């Protein structure tokens, strides 16, 4: 078998590819909108299709990972994910862009489940926690994709040229780095099992913790800049700092997360994460000042950074459910929450203003602290 470092690099390459292709898409959304004459409502429906593609693919990828092996499934899906990004650029009309985005979302979600299953196997083989650092590689990949998109716009590259060159180049590097001698344990599907399972028993609480963090991440992505403008009277340029400091805090914390979790255990680490997120909300809401709000966003990033790695590791080691199905069920609840979270913030803001609507994130952080024992390995 390869060395622990070689295994980590192989799985990390898959995480970088997954984040990189998604970051490339996100960075060129304005270009896609302009080329297809899409209005705000149509864009919302297209993004919903992308998210639905991911949710539909979660359980299917979980079954495939159990049946054919997580590593093999990850690398197979990576091909379709790469081609799906190129299809978005090639779509000549809105009616063809919609199915292309559904396929892209499906491939993104399927690879997410498969590579996390592979990461769970790698973590058990290596004999120490590496899940948090692997999730940091996803964030690094997303940043790489966004940076490549910025460069493509500056160089005035067409969407097809940009997506094709970037996607195929990143896939070629990933397939080379991720190609290792690895035999995943396969598990045949149990008869009578649900095709779209939701977490049950102890996994339900793990899913709730993932849901609380996912709602917070979605809210930060969609509302942090608006919060700074509306509550702290920040300029447009200053408002852009909100999600930036949040994202940087997440990456840094995920790079440190494995050591912290190993030193204190999943329960204490989750309670620290929930407490950090709660403190971040209080800083942002109570003082209504740009700098305290930015400090609060840093604490929110620190808190949310640890939760998904903890939840995925717990799901991958569930004693009653196979890793693929367990990870898929927790991911379904988490990503479903990402769909519901931002609209929930907006609906609440309609009644009590965006300033106080952020208090919802504080309530969810309290749930993370309370449910933290569910993350202990059993």
Foldseek 3Di string as FASTA:
>chain_A
DDALVLLLQLLLLLLLLLLQLVLLCVLCPVVLCVQAVHDPVLVVVLVVLLLVLLLLQQLVLLQCCQAPNLLVSLLVLLVQLLVLSLQCLVDNYSVSNSVSSSSNSNSSNSNVLSSLLSQLVSCVVNVFDDLLLSNLSNLVSSVVNNVLSVVCVVVVPRSNVSSNVVSVVSSVVSCVSNDDDDDGNHDHDDPPDDSNDADDDLLNLLLLLLLLLLLVVLCQVPCQLVLLCVQAVDDNVLSVVLVVLLSVLLSVLSNVVRVVCVVPNQLVLLLQLLVLLLCLLCQCQVPSHSVSNSVSSSSNSNSSSNSVSLSLNQQCQPPPDHSSNSSSNSVSSNSVSSVVNNVQLVVVCVPVNNSCSSCVSNVSSVSSNVSRVSSGHD
